[in-house]
Amino acid sequence: MTNDNSIFNINNLISFCFKYKIKLIIIVFLSVFFSSIVALFFMEEKFKSSAIIFPTTTNSISQALLIEDNPYKKDILEFGEEETTEQLLQIFNSDMVQDSLVKIFNLFSHYEISKNDPYSRTWMNLAFDEKVKFKKTPFGSIKIEVLDKNPKMAADIANKCLDLVDVAIKKIKTERSEKAYFICEERTKSLENQMIQVNDSLNILREKGVIYGEVQVERLTEQYAICLANSNNKGARLIKKELEIISDHVTEHNLLFRRTIEIQDELNRVNNVCDLIQIDSDYELTNMFIINKAYPADKKSFPIRWLVVFLSTFSILIASIIILRCIELYNIQKNDK
């Protein structure tokens, strides 16, 4: 049976460490000493502030309250579902929000990044991604975490994110609603011009005596029959002449009259859409329910000094054991030769 000289054998490892105990004790002592100095004096303290929000189902007043029998109507007091959370999370991570935060809090100066650096944008993106995080929680909410050397700055950035998301969403929707409003206004002008043209044609027919078309024909036919029954030939001739004039234009009159109704109905619908767009532009609901706002932390979150010292010492100890073992194997092999 061969002896197992592997260092991964627990008995061999203990024997090896005991053999080099003086060196390993010195290495551990120096590792603790220097890692403690680094953790105390060279690692910048950072404070974490966080805010938690739930998205809403809608922020449109018209969709939520003003449109009757709306198949897309949603409760304005209901929390948003997963899809809404993902959409809001995308807005949080947008350049629009990041650029606004960089400008408001002068983050180039705060993060000590020179604007003259050709890669300043890249450095800013890396610093921002490291210090500002937006996460979806298992409960469907969104958590905003900001890490900064200044606890008040961390809280201010986190809370400002809440305002900027509403601003970003309003800007996106305003650009779209302005185009929609312009289209509705143009359609309104077109319909009003069509109405003027149809009414002009109807006025020409009214001047010819065609006012109510079918009603006139019905009444004149009735009077024509009465005149014939009473042997009033003169009256019958006058009514017949009037009936002939109306008959020539009654079809055109009916078509034009129905067209005015169609135009007016569409005009009413377009005006209603314009009103709803204007209401959504003038009045807005927030896009989120704020569960927790951010507050300045009274205790640092980074670095955890004991953990830094422990991990540094442990890593150096393992590396030292491996190096000592390699040296020992090299010497054994050299002596054998």
C-alpha atoms as a PDB file:
ATOM      1  CA  MET A   1       0.000   0.000   0.000  1.00  0.00           C
ATOM      2  CA  THR A   2       1.432   3.302  -1.090  1.00  0.00           C
ATOM      3  CA  ASN A   3       1.530   6.351   1.129  1.00  0.00           C
ATOM      4  CA  ASP A   4      -0.682   9.248   0.155  1.00  0.00           C
ATOM      5  CA  ASN A   5       1.526  12.336   0.216  1.00  0.00           C
ATOM      6  CA  SER A   6      -1.178  14.614  -1.211  1.00  0.00           C
ATOM      7  CA  ILE A   7      -1.612  17.902   0.573  1.00  0.00           C
ATOM      8  CA  PHE A   8      -5.381  17.547   0.127  1.00  0.00           C
ATOM      9  CA  ASN A   9      -5.370  14.715   2.635  1.00  0.00           C
ATOM     10  CA  ILE A  10      -6.456  16.228   5.944  1.00  0.00           C
ATOM     11  CA  ASN A  11      -3.801  14.394   7.967  1.00  0.00           C
ATOM     12  CA  ASN A  12      -1.043  15.445   5.574  1.00  0.00           C
ATOM     13  CA  LEU A  13      -2.331  19.007   5.592  1.00  0.00           C
ATOM     14  CA  ILE A  14      -2.234  19.184   9.396  1.00  0.00           C
ATOM     15  CA  SER A  15       1.248  17.686   9.450  1.00  0.00           C
ATOM     16  CA  PHE A  16       2.420  20.091   6.778  1.00  0.00           C
ATOM     17  CA  CYS A  17       1.023  23.141   8.612  1.00  0.00           C
ATOM     18  CA  PHE A  18       2.589  21.968  11.872  1.00  0.00           C
ATOM     19  CA  LYS A  19       5.914  21.532  10.088  1.00  0.00           C
ATOM     20  CA  TYR A  20       5.869  25.137   8.842  1.00  0.00           C
ATOM     21  CA  LYS A  21       3.926  26.580  11.770  1.00  0.00           C
ATOM     22  CA  ILE A  22       6.396  29.390  12.467  1.00  0.00           C
ATOM     23  CA  LYS A  23       6.346  30.635   8.896  1.00  0.00           C
ATOM     24  CA  LEU A  24       2.569  30.323   8.636  1.00  0.00           C
ATOM     25  CA  ILE A  25       2.037  32.145  11.943  1.00  0.00           C
ATOM     26  CA  ILE A  26       4.254  34.996  10.721  1.00  0.00           C
ATOM     27  CA  ILE A  27       2.379  35.091   7.384  1.00  0.00           C
ATOM     28  CA  VAL A  28      -1.020  35.157   9.158  1.00  0.00           C
ATOM     29  CA  PHE A  29       0.136  37.908  11.522  1.00  0.00           C
ATOM     30  CA  LEU A  30       1.469  40.061   8.670  1.00  0.00           C
ATOM     31  CA  SER A  31      -1.678  39.430   6.610  1.00  0.00           C
ATOM     32  CA  VAL A  32      -3.923  40.523   9.467  1.00  0.00           C
ATOM     33  CA  PHE A  33      -1.774  43.563  10.131  1.00  0.00           C
ATOM     34  CA  PHE A  34      -1.578  44.849   6.561  1.00  0.00           C
ATOM     35  CA  SER A  35      -5.179  43.972   5.595  1.00  0.00           C
ATOM     36  CA  SER A  36      -6.368  45.800   8.717  1.00  0.00           C
ATOM     37  CA  ILE A  37      -4.392  48.895   7.724  1.00  0.00           C
ATOM     38  CA  VAL A  38      -5.829  48.731   4.200  1.00  0.00           C
ATOM     39  CA  ALA A  39      -9.384  48.261   5.507  1.00  0.00           C
ATOM     40  CA  LEU A  40      -9.032  51.094   8.018  1.00  0.00           C
ATOM     41  CA  PHE A  41      -7.218  53.755   6.020  1.00  0.00           C
ATOM     42  CA  PHE A  42      -7.378  52.951   2.322  1.00  0.00           C
ATOM     43  CA  MET A  43     -10.904  51.646   1.737  1.00  0.00           C
ATOM     44  CA  GLU A  44     -13.525  54.355   1.356  1.00  0.00           C
ATOM     45  CA  GLU A  45     -16.606  54.032   3.549  1.00  0.00           C
ATOM     46  CA  LYS A  46     -19.883  53.867   1.674  1.00  0.00           C
ATOM     47  CA  PHE A  47     -23.465  54.207   2.886  1.00  0.00           C
ATOM     48  CA  LYS A  48     -26.512  52.541   1.362  1.00  0.00           C
ATOM     49  CA  SER A  49     -29.984  54.043   1.020  1.00  0.00           C
ATOM     50  CA  SER A  50     -32.923  52.288  -0.556  1.00  0.00           C
ATOM     51  CA  ALA A  51     -36.491  52.998  -1.615  1.00  0.00           C
ATOM     52  CA  ILE A  52     -39.220  50.502  -2.482  1.00  0.00           C
ATOM     53  CA  ILE A  53     -42.139  51.141  -4.837  1.00  0.00           C
ATOM     54  CA  PHE A  54     -44.945  49.239  -6.513  1.00  0.00           C
ATOM     55  CA  PRO A  55     -46.008  50.213 -10.060  1.00  0.00           C
ATOM     56  CA  THR A  56     -49.617  51.236 -10.711  1.00  0.00           C
ATOM     57  CA  THR A  57     -51.846  49.652 -13.340  1.00  0.00           C
ATOM     58  CA  THR A  58     -52.375  52.979 -15.127  1.00  0.00           C
ATOM     59  CA  ASN A  59     -51.713  56.702 -14.755  1.00  0.00           C
ATOM     60  CA  SER A  60     -54.296  57.766 -17.358  1.00  0.00           C
ATOM     61  CA  ILE A  61     -57.259  59.574 -15.795  1.00  0.00           C
ATOM     62  CA  SER A  62     -59.297  59.262 -18.984  1.00  0.00           C
ATOM     63  CA  GLN A  63     -58.768  55.512 -19.285  1.00  0.00           C
ATOM     64  CA  ALA A  64     -59.402  54.892 -15.612  1.00  0.00           C
ATOM     65  CA  LEU A  65     -62.340  57.219 -14.915  1.00  0.00           C
ATOM     66  CA  LEU A  66     -63.885  58.997 -17.903  1.00  0.00           C
ATOM     67  CA  ILE A  67     -64.478  56.370 -20.591  1.00  0.00           C
ATOM     68  CA  GLU A  68     -67.604  54.304 -20.037  1.00  0.00           C
ATOM     69  CA  ASP A  69     -67.676  50.621 -21.045  1.00  0.00           C
ATOM     70  CA  ASN A  70     -63.931  50.678 -21.561  1.00  0.00           C
ATOM     71  CA  PRO A  71     -62.648  47.084 -22.016  1.00  0.00           C
ATOM     72  CA  TYR A  72     -59.166  48.284 -20.966  1.00  0.00           C
ATOM     73  CA  LYS A  73     -60.381  50.083 -17.860  1.00  0.00           C
ATOM     74  CA  LYS A  74     -58.193  49.416 -14.814  1.00  0.00           C
ATOM     75  CA  ASP A  75     -58.460  50.222 -11.153  1.00  0.00           C
ATOM     76  CA  ILE A  76     -56.221  53.183 -10.354  1.00  0.00           C
ATOM     77  CA  LEU A  77     -55.760  51.843  -6.805  1.00  0.00           C
ATOM     78  CA  GLU A  78     -54.569  48.412  -7.925  1.00  0.00           C
ATOM     79  CA  PHE A  79     -50.901  47.400  -7.874  1.00  0.00           C
ATOM     80  CA  GLY A  80     -49.362  46.700 -11.273  1.00  0.00           C
ATOM     81  CA  GLU A  81     -48.604  43.188 -12.456  1.00  0.00           C
ATOM     82  CA  GLU A  82     -45.293  41.701 -13.612  1.00  0.00           C
ATOM     83  CA  GLU A  83     -45.470  43.235 -17.080  1.00  0.00           C
ATOM     84  CA  THR A  84     -46.002  46.713 -15.616  1.00  0.00           C
ATOM     85  CA  THR A  85     -43.095  46.165 -13.224  1.00  0.00           C
ATOM     86  CA  GLU A  86     -40.797  45.197 -16.094  1.00  0.00           C
ATOM     87  CA  GLN A  87     -41.833  48.287 -18.065  1.00  0.00           C
ATOM     88  CA  LEU A  88     -41.227  50.602 -15.112  1.00  0.00           C
ATOM     89  CA  LEU A  89     -37.895  48.905 -14.418  1.00  0.00           C
ATOM     90  CA  GLN A  90     -36.872  49.635 -18.015  1.00  0.00           C
ATOM     91  CA  ILE A  91     -37.637  53.327 -17.492  1.00  0.00           C
ATOM     92  CA  PHE A  92     -35.533  53.359 -14.314  1.00  0.00           C
ATOM     93  CA  ASN A  93     -32.593  51.949 -16.296  1.00  0.00           C
ATOM     94  CA  SER A  94     -33.011  54.387 -19.176  1.00  0.00           C
ATOM     95  CA  ASP A  95     -30.406  56.950 -20.226  1.00  0.00           C
ATOM     96  CA  MET A  96     -33.005  59.665 -19.636  1.00  0.00           C
ATOM     97  CA  VAL A  97     -33.074  58.969 -15.890  1.00  0.00           C
ATOM     98  CA  GLN A  98     -29.306  58.460 -15.606  1.00  0.00           C
ATOM     99  CA  ASP A  99     -28.451  61.637 -17.522  1.00  0.00           C
ATOM    100  CA  SER A 100     -30.841  63.651 -15.362  1.00  0.00           C
ATOM    101  CA  LEU A 101     -29.269  62.325 -12.152  1.00  0.00           C
ATOM    102  CA  VAL A 102     -25.759  63.022 -13.467  1.00  0.00           C
ATOM    103  CA  LYS A 103     -26.729  66.609 -14.258  1.00  0.00           C
ATOM    104  CA  ILE A 104     -28.730  67.330 -11.077  1.00  0.00           C
ATOM    105  CA  PHE A 105     -26.135  65.932  -8.646  1.00  0.00           C
ATOM    106  CA  ASN A 106     -23.049  66.826 -10.711  1.00  0.00           C
ATOM    107  CA  LEU A 107     -21.912  63.200 -10.539  1.00  0.00           C
ATOM    108  CA  PHE A 108     -18.884  63.741 -12.784  1.00  0.00           C
ATOM    109  CA  SER A 109     -17.380  65.854 -10.040  1.00  0.00           C
ATOM    110  CA  HIS A 110     -18.758  63.689  -7.234  1.00  0.00           C
ATOM    111  CA  TYR A 111     -17.338  60.476  -8.729  1.00  0.00           C
ATOM    112  CA  GLU A 112     -14.116  62.314  -9.682  1.00  0.00           C
ATOM    113  CA  ILE A 113     -14.460  61.651 -13.414  1.00  0.00           C
ATOM    114  CA  SER A 114     -13.022  64.203 -15.798  1.00  0.00           C
ATOM    115  CA  LYS A 115     -15.392  65.364 -18.526  1.00  0.00           C
ATOM    116  CA  ASN A 116     -12.375  65.939 -20.756  1.00  0.00           C
ATOM    117  CA  ASP A 117     -11.514  62.252 -20.684  1.00  0.00           C
ATOM    118  CA  PRO A 118     -12.411  60.701 -24.074  1.00  0.00           C
ATOM    119  CA  TYR A 119     -13.893  57.739 -22.193  1.00  0.00           C
ATOM    120  CA  SER A 120     -15.692  59.823 -19.563  1.00  0.00           C
ATOM    121  CA  ARG A 121     -19.077  58.465 -20.619  1.00  0.00           C
ATOM    122  CA  THR A 122     -17.868  54.880 -20.214  1.00  0.00           C
ATOM    123  CA  TRP A 123     -16.396  55.572 -16.766  1.00  0.00           C
ATOM    124  CA  MET A 124     -19.604  57.284 -15.712  1.00  0.00           C
ATOM    125  CA  ASN A 125     -21.723  54.346 -16.863  1.00  0.00           C
ATOM    126  CA  LEU A 126     -19.511  51.927 -14.933  1.00  0.00           C
ATOM    127  CA  ALA A 127     -19.573  54.070 -11.782  1.00  0.00           C
ATOM    128  CA  PHE A 128     -23.330  54.595 -12.023  1.00  0.00           C
ATOM    129  CA  ASP A 129     -24.051  50.886 -12.548  1.00  0.00           C
ATOM    130  CA  GLU A 130     -21.872  50.070  -9.552  1.00  0.00           C
ATOM    131  CA  LYS A 131     -23.458  52.587  -7.192  1.00  0.00           C
ATOM    132  CA  VAL A 132     -27.089  52.834  -8.355  1.00  0.00           C
ATOM    133  CA  LYS A 133     -29.089  49.640  -8.782  1.00  0.00           C
ATOM    134  CA  PHE A 134     -32.719  48.958  -9.647  1.00  0.00           C
ATOM    135  CA  LYS A 135     -33.953  45.487  -8.728  1.00  0.00           C
ATOM    136  CA  LYS A 136     -37.235  43.641  -9.012  1.00  0.00           C
ATOM    137  CA  THR A 137     -38.066  41.941  -5.724  1.00  0.00           C
ATOM    138  CA  PRO A 138     -39.758  38.521  -5.392  1.00  0.00           C
ATOM    139  CA  PHE A 139     -42.933  40.368  -4.332  1.00  0.00           C
ATOM    140  CA  GLY A 140     -43.300  42.272  -7.615  1.00  0.00           C
ATOM    141  CA  SER A 141     -42.027  45.587  -6.264  1.00  0.00           C
ATOM    142  CA  ILE A 142     -38.967  47.555  -7.376  1.00  0.00           C
ATOM    143  CA  LYS A 143     -36.118  48.337  -4.995  1.00  0.00           C
ATOM    144  CA  ILE A 144     -33.816  51.290  -5.650  1.00  0.00           C
ATOM    145  CA  GLU A 145     -30.429  50.961  -3.920  1.00  0.00           C
ATOM    146  CA  VAL A 146     -27.825  53.725  -3.920  1.00  0.00           C
ATOM    147  CA  LEU A 147     -24.329  53.326  -2.473  1.00  0.00           C
ATOM    148  CA  ASP A 148     -22.362  56.481  -1.802  1.00  0.00           C
ATOM    149  CA  LYS A 149     -19.674  57.893   0.472  1.00  0.00           C
ATOM    150  CA  ASN A 150     -22.139  60.596   1.532  1.00  0.00           C
ATOM    151  CA  PRO A 151     -25.247  59.124   3.266  1.00  0.00           C
ATOM    152  CA  LYS A 152     -27.400  62.166   2.449  1.00  0.00           C
ATOM    153  CA  MET A 153     -26.345  62.061  -1.194  1.00  0.00           C
ATOM    154  CA  ALA A 154     -27.284  58.375  -1.376  1.00  0.00           C
ATOM    155  CA  ALA A 155     -30.771  59.082   0.010  1.00  0.00           C
ATOM    156  CA  ASP A 156     -31.273  62.126  -2.235  1.00  0.00           C
ATOM    157  CA  ILE A 157     -30.330  60.195  -5.376  1.00  0.00           C
ATOM    158  CA  ALA A 158     -32.679  57.322  -4.476  1.00  0.00           C
ATOM    159  CA  ASN A 159     -35.606  59.676  -3.801  1.00  0.00           C
ATOM    160  CA  LYS A 160     -34.898  61.741  -6.914  1.00  0.00           C
ATOM    161  CA  CYS A 161     -35.196  58.582  -9.013  1.00  0.00           C
ATOM    162  CA  LEU A 162     -38.854  58.408  -7.988  1.00  0.00           C
ATOM    163  CA  ASP A 163     -39.521  61.899  -9.346  1.00  0.00           C
ATOM    164  CA  LEU A 164     -37.507  61.435 -12.514  1.00  0.00           C
ATOM    165  CA  VAL A 165     -39.375  58.291 -13.567  1.00  0.00           C
ATOM    166  CA  ASP A 166     -42.673  60.196 -13.604  1.00  0.00           C
ATOM    167  CA  VAL A 167     -40.990  63.003 -15.549  1.00  0.00           C
ATOM    168  CA  ALA A 168     -39.497  60.542 -18.057  1.00  0.00           C
ATOM    169  CA  ILE A 169     -42.799  58.739 -18.610  1.00  0.00           C
ATOM    170  CA  LYS A 170     -44.664  62.042 -19.007  1.00  0.00           C
ATOM    171  CA  LYS A 171     -42.104  63.234 -21.559  1.00  0.00           C
ATOM    172  CA  ILE A 172     -42.421  60.020 -23.576  1.00  0.00           C
ATOM    173  CA  LYS A 173     -46.224  60.142 -23.493  1.00  0.00           C
ATOM    174  CA  THR A 174     -46.382  63.884 -24.189  1.00  0.00           C
ATOM    175  CA  GLU A 175     -44.426  63.481 -27.421  1.00  0.00           C
ATOM    176  CA  ARG A 176     -46.900  60.832 -28.548  1.00  0.00           C
ATOM    177  CA  SER A 177     -50.013  62.665 -27.334  1.00  0.00           C
ATOM    178  CA  GLU A 178     -48.947  65.874 -29.093  1.00  0.00           C
ATOM    179  CA  LYS A 179     -48.813  63.993 -32.394  1.00  0.00           C
ATOM    180  CA  ALA A 180     -52.178  62.387 -31.672  1.00  0.00           C
ATOM    181  CA  TYR A 181     -53.679  65.773 -30.764  1.00  0.00           C
ATOM    182  CA  PHE A 182     -52.305  67.315 -33.967  1.00  0.00           C
ATOM    183  CA  ILE A 183     -53.847  64.500 -36.044  1.00  0.00           C
ATOM    184  CA  CYS A 184     -57.200  64.977 -34.284  1.00  0.00           C
ATOM    185  CA  GLU A 185     -57.112  68.725 -34.902  1.00  0.00           C
ATOM    186  CA  GLU A 186     -56.373  68.191 -38.585  1.00  0.00           C
ATOM    187  CA  ARG A 187     -59.208  65.669 -38.815  1.00  0.00           C
ATOM    188  CA  THR A 188     -61.540  68.138 -37.077  1.00  0.00           C
ATOM    189  CA  LYS A 189     -60.690  70.830 -39.636  1.00  0.00           C
ATOM    190  CA  SER A 190     -61.278  68.381 -42.479  1.00  0.00           C
ATOM    191  CA  LEU A 191     -64.663  67.310 -41.098  1.00  0.00           C
ATOM    192  CA  GLU A 192     -65.730  70.906 -40.509  1.00  0.00           C
ATOM    193  CA  ASN A 193     -64.866  71.770 -44.131  1.00  0.00           C
ATOM    194  CA  GLN A 194     -66.846  68.753 -45.312  1.00  0.00           C
ATOM    195  CA  MET A 195     -69.790  69.859 -43.186  1.00  0.00           C
ATOM    196  CA  ILE A 196     -69.666  73.345 -44.700  1.00  0.00           C
ATOM    197  CA  GLN A 197     -69.684  71.889 -48.227  1.00  0.00           C
ATOM    198  CA  VAL A 198     -72.607  69.555 -47.469  1.00  0.00           C
ATOM    199  CA  ASN A 199     -74.597  72.354 -45.818  1.00  0.00           C
ATOM    200  CA  ASP A 200     -73.957  74.599 -48.827  1.00  0.00           C
ATOM    201  CA  SER A 201     -75.412  71.884 -51.075  1.00  0.00           C
ATOM    202  CA  LEU A 202     -78.379  71.477 -48.746  1.00  0.00           C
ATOM    203  CA  ASN A 203     -78.972  75.247 -48.771  1.00  0.00           C
ATOM    204  CA  ILE A 204     -79.206  75.167 -52.561  1.00  0.00           C
ATOM    205  CA  LEU A 205     -81.851  72.431 -52.312  1.00  0.00           C
ATOM    206  CA  ARG A 206     -83.683  74.359 -49.584  1.00  0.00           C
ATOM    207  CA  GLU A 207     -83.871  77.370 -51.916  1.00  0.00           C
ATOM    208  CA  LYS A 208     -85.602  75.037 -54.373  1.00  0.00           C
ATOM    209  CA  GLY A 209     -88.116  74.102 -51.688  1.00  0.00           C
ATOM    210  CA  VAL A 210     -86.641  70.757 -50.617  1.00  0.00           C
ATOM    211  CA  ILE A 211     -86.457  71.034 -46.879  1.00  0.00           C
ATOM    212  CA  TYR A 212     -87.542  67.752 -45.318  1.00  0.00           C
ATOM    213  CA  GLY A 213     -87.601  65.548 -48.406  1.00  0.00           C
ATOM    214  CA  GLU A 214     -89.582  62.402 -47.608  1.00  0.00           C
ATOM    215  CA  VAL A 215     -91.847  64.216 -45.123  1.00  0.00           C
ATOM    216  CA  GLN A 216     -92.702  66.818 -47.744  1.00  0.00           C
ATOM    217  CA  VAL A 217     -93.436  64.145 -50.347  1.00  0.00           C
ATOM    218  CA  GLU A 218     -95.709  62.319 -47.910  1.00  0.00           C
ATOM    219  CA  ARG A 219     -97.663  65.457 -46.963  1.00  0.00           C
ATOM    220  CA  LEU A 220     -97.920  66.800 -50.529  1.00  0.00           C
ATOM    221  CA  THR A 221     -99.087  63.423 -51.801  1.00  0.00           C
ATOM    222  CA  GLU A 222    -101.783  63.453 -49.139  1.00  0.00           C
ATOM    223  CA  GLN A 223    -102.885  66.965 -50.139  1.00  0.00           C
ATOM    224  CA  TYR A 224    -102.785  66.020 -53.822  1.00  0.00           C
ATOM    225  CA  ALA A 225    -105.189  63.189 -53.177  1.00  0.00           C
ATOM    226  CA  ILE A 226    -107.496  65.510 -51.236  1.00  0.00           C
ATOM    227  CA  CYS A 227    -107.500  68.038 -54.091  1.00  0.00           C
ATOM    228  CA  LEU A 228    -108.376  65.334 -56.602  1.00  0.00           C
ATOM    229  CA  ALA A 229    -111.115  64.071 -54.348  1.00  0.00           C
ATOM    230  CA  ASN A 230    -112.553  67.606 -54.084  1.00  0.00           C
ATOM    231  CA  SER A 231    -112.150  68.205 -57.842  1.00  0.00           C
ATOM    232  CA  ASN A 232    -109.705  71.027 -57.086  1.00  0.00           C
ATOM    233  CA  ASN A 233    -107.801  70.721 -60.330  1.00  0.00           C
ATOM    234  CA  LYS A 234    -105.890  73.980 -59.934  1.00  0.00           C
ATOM    235  CA  GLY A 235    -104.641  73.036 -56.484  1.00  0.00           C
ATOM    236  CA  ALA A 236    -103.808  69.545 -57.713  1.00  0.00           C
ATOM    237  CA  ARG A 237    -101.727  70.976 -60.559  1.00  0.00           C
ATOM    238  CA  LEU A 238     -99.780  73.244 -58.197  1.00  0.00           C
ATOM    239  CA  ILE A 239     -99.113  70.400 -55.766  1.00  0.00           C
ATOM    240  CA  LYS A 240     -98.116  68.062 -58.600  1.00  0.00           C
ATOM    241  CA  LYS A 241     -95.661  70.645 -59.910  1.00  0.00           C
ATOM    242  CA  GLU A 242     -94.148  71.025 -56.458  1.00  0.00           C
ATOM    243  CA  LEU A 243     -94.003  67.244 -56.081  1.00  0.00           C
ATOM    244  CA  GLU A 244     -92.103  66.939 -59.349  1.00  0.00           C
ATOM    245  CA  ILE A 245     -89.492  69.483 -58.145  1.00  0.00           C
ATOM    246  CA  ILE A 246     -89.077  67.708 -54.801  1.00  0.00           C
ATOM    247  CA  SER A 247     -88.979  64.258 -56.442  1.00  0.00           C
ATOM    248  CA  ASP A 248     -86.090  65.348 -58.637  1.00  0.00           C
ATOM    249  CA  HIS A 249     -83.993  66.313 -55.608  1.00  0.00           C
ATOM    250  CA  VAL A 250     -85.284  64.221 -52.714  1.00  0.00           C
ATOM    251  CA  THR A 251     -82.726  61.428 -53.201  1.00  0.00           C
ATOM    252  CA  GLU A 252     -79.838  63.900 -53.255  1.00  0.00           C
ATOM    253  CA  HIS A 253     -81.299  65.679 -50.228  1.00  0.00           C
ATOM    254  CA  ASN A 254     -81.573  62.450 -48.258  1.00  0.00           C
ATOM    255  CA  LEU A 255     -77.991  61.468 -49.084  1.00  0.00           C
ATOM    256  CA  LEU A 256     -76.692  64.883 -48.062  1.00  0.00           C
ATOM    257  CA  PHE A 257     -78.750  64.873 -44.863  1.00  0.00           C
ATOM    258  CA  ARG A 258     -77.455  61.436 -43.853  1.00  0.00           C
ATOM    259  CA  ARG A 259     -73.945  62.654 -44.639  1.00  0.00           C
ATOM    260  CA  THR A 260     -74.345  65.556 -42.196  1.00  0.00           C
ATOM    261  CA  ILE A 261     -75.312  63.070 -39.471  1.00  0.00           C
ATOM    262  CA  GLU A 262     -72.297  60.867 -40.244  1.00  0.00           C
ATOM    263  CA  ILE A 263     -69.938  63.855 -40.253  1.00  0.00           C
ATOM    264  CA  GLN A 264     -71.375  65.176 -36.995  1.00  0.00           C
ATOM    265  CA  ASP A 265     -71.054  61.771 -35.313  1.00  0.00           C
ATOM    266  CA  GLU A 266     -67.405  61.466 -36.347  1.00  0.00           C
ATOM    267  CA  LEU A 267     -66.770  65.064 -35.363  1.00  0.00           C
ATOM    268  CA  ASN A 268     -68.166  64.351 -31.891  1.00  0.00           C
ATOM    269  CA  ARG A 269     -65.925  61.284 -31.539  1.00  0.00           C
ATOM    270  CA  VAL A 270     -62.822  63.203 -32.610  1.00  0.00           C
ATOM    271  CA  ASN A 271     -63.652  66.059 -30.236  1.00  0.00           C
ATOM    272  CA  ASN A 272     -64.078  63.558 -27.389  1.00  0.00           C
ATOM    273  CA  VAL A 273     -60.657  62.076 -28.169  1.00  0.00           C
ATOM    274  CA  CYS A 274     -59.133  65.576 -28.170  1.00  0.00           C
ATOM    275  CA  ASP A 275     -60.725  66.283 -24.802  1.00  0.00           C
ATOM    276  CA  LEU A 276     -59.361  63.038 -23.324  1.00  0.00           C
ATOM    277  CA  ILE A 277     -55.863  63.759 -24.655  1.00  0.00           C
ATOM    278  CA  GLN A 278     -56.017  67.261 -23.200  1.00  0.00           C
ATOM    279  CA  ILE A 279     -57.180  65.930 -19.816  1.00  0.00           C
ATOM    280  CA  ASP A 280     -54.357  63.365 -19.693  1.00  0.00           C
ATOM    281  CA  SER A 281     -51.882  66.134 -20.580  1.00  0.00           C
ATOM    282  CA  ASP A 282     -53.170  68.611 -17.993  1.00  0.00           C
ATOM    283  CA  TYR A 283     -53.766  66.175 -15.146  1.00  0.00           C
ATOM    284  CA  GLU A 284     -51.682  63.159 -14.303  1.00  0.00           C
ATOM    285  CA  LEU A 285     -51.483  60.394 -11.748  1.00  0.00           C
ATOM    286  CA  THR A 286     -48.231  59.024 -10.393  1.00  0.00           C
ATOM    287  CA  ASN A 287     -46.903  55.813 -11.928  1.00  0.00           C
ATOM    288  CA  MET A 288     -46.081  54.189  -8.606  1.00  0.00           C
ATOM    289  CA  PHE A 289     -47.080  53.548  -5.025  1.00  0.00           C
ATOM    290  CA  ILE A 290     -44.195  54.538  -2.760  1.00  0.00           C
ATOM    291  CA  ILE A 291     -43.825  51.919  -0.036  1.00  0.00           C
ATOM    292  CA  ASN A 292     -40.557  53.153   1.524  1.00  0.00           C
ATOM    293  CA  LYS A 293     -38.725  56.370   0.812  1.00  0.00           C
ATOM    294  CA  ALA A 294     -34.943  56.537   1.183  1.00  0.00           C
ATOM    295  CA  TYR A 295     -33.363  57.997   4.317  1.00  0.00           C
ATOM    296  CA  PRO A 296     -29.703  58.768   5.070  1.00  0.00           C
ATOM    297  CA  ALA A 297     -28.060  55.694   6.581  1.00  0.00           C
ATOM    298  CA  ASP A 298     -26.580  56.083  10.055  1.00  0.00           C
ATOM    299  CA  LYS A 299     -24.264  53.105   9.597  1.00  0.00           C
ATOM    300  CA  LYS A 300     -21.843  52.322   6.785  1.00  0.00           C
ATOM    301  CA  SER A 301     -22.573  49.376   4.492  1.00  0.00           C
ATOM    302  CA  PHE A 302     -19.093  49.045   3.001  1.00  0.00           C
ATOM    303  CA  PRO A 303     -16.460  47.948   3.756  1.00  0.00           C
ATOM    304  CA  ILE A 304     -17.213  45.206   6.289  1.00  0.00           C
ATOM    305  CA  ARG A 305     -13.725  45.367   7.786  1.00  0.00           C
ATOM    306  CA  TRP A 306     -13.676  42.077   9.661  1.00  0.00           C
ATOM    307  CA  LEU A 307     -14.789  40.286   6.489  1.00  0.00           C
ATOM    308  CA  VAL A 308     -12.104  42.038   4.436  1.00  0.00           C
ATOM    309  CA  VAL A 309      -9.432  41.045   6.972  1.00  0.00           C
ATOM    310  CA  PHE A 310     -10.716  37.464   7.198  1.00  0.00           C
ATOM    311  CA  LEU A 311     -10.924  36.893   3.441  1.00  0.00           C
ATOM    312  CA  SER A 312      -7.550  38.525   2.820  1.00  0.00           C
ATOM    313  CA  THR A 313      -5.844  36.494   5.543  1.00  0.00           C
ATOM    314  CA  PHE A 314      -7.511  33.245   4.465  1.00  0.00           C
ATOM    315  CA  SER A 315      -6.591  33.794   0.802  1.00  0.00           C
ATOM    316  CA  ILE A 316      -2.956  34.608   1.652  1.00  0.00           C
ATOM    317  CA  LEU A 317      -2.759  31.598   3.999  1.00  0.00           C
ATOM    318  CA  ILE A 318      -3.998  29.185   1.318  1.00  0.00           C
ATOM    319  CA  ALA A 319      -1.659  30.715  -1.257  1.00  0.00           C
ATOM    320  CA  SER A 320       1.260  30.450   1.194  1.00  0.00           C
ATOM    321  CA  ILE A 321       0.561  26.756   1.892  1.00  0.00           C
ATOM    322  CA  ILE A 322       0.467  26.012  -1.834  1.00  0.00           C
ATOM    323  CA  ILE A 323       3.712  27.932  -2.446  1.00  0.00           C
ATOM    324  CA  LEU A 324       5.512  26.245   0.472  1.00  0.00           C
ATOM    325  CA  ARG A 325       4.353  22.853  -0.740  1.00  0.00           C
ATOM    326  CA  CYS A 326       5.569  23.593  -4.263  1.00  0.00           C
ATOM    327  CA  ILE A 327       8.958  24.647  -2.891  1.00  0.00           C
ATOM    328  CA  GLU A 328       9.128  21.489  -0.777  1.00  0.00           C
ATOM    329  CA  LEU A 329       8.311  19.243  -3.754  1.00  0.00           C
ATOM    330  CA  TYR A 330      10.886  21.054  -5.865  1.00  0.00           C
ATOM    331  CA  ASN A 331      13.588  20.491  -3.235  1.00  0.00           C
ATOM    332  CA  ILE A 332      12.646  16.795  -2.923  1.00  0.00           C
ATOM    333  CA  GLN A 333      12.851  16.319  -6.665  1.00  0.00           C
ATOM    334  CA  LYS A 334      16.179  18.157  -6.784  1.00  0.00           C
ATOM    335  CA  ASN A 335      17.665  15.993  -4.030  1.00  0.00           C
ATOM    336  CA  ASP A 336      16.478  12.797  -5.738  1.00  0.00           C
ATOM    337  CA  LYS A 337      18.366  13.783  -8.872  1.00  0.00           C
END
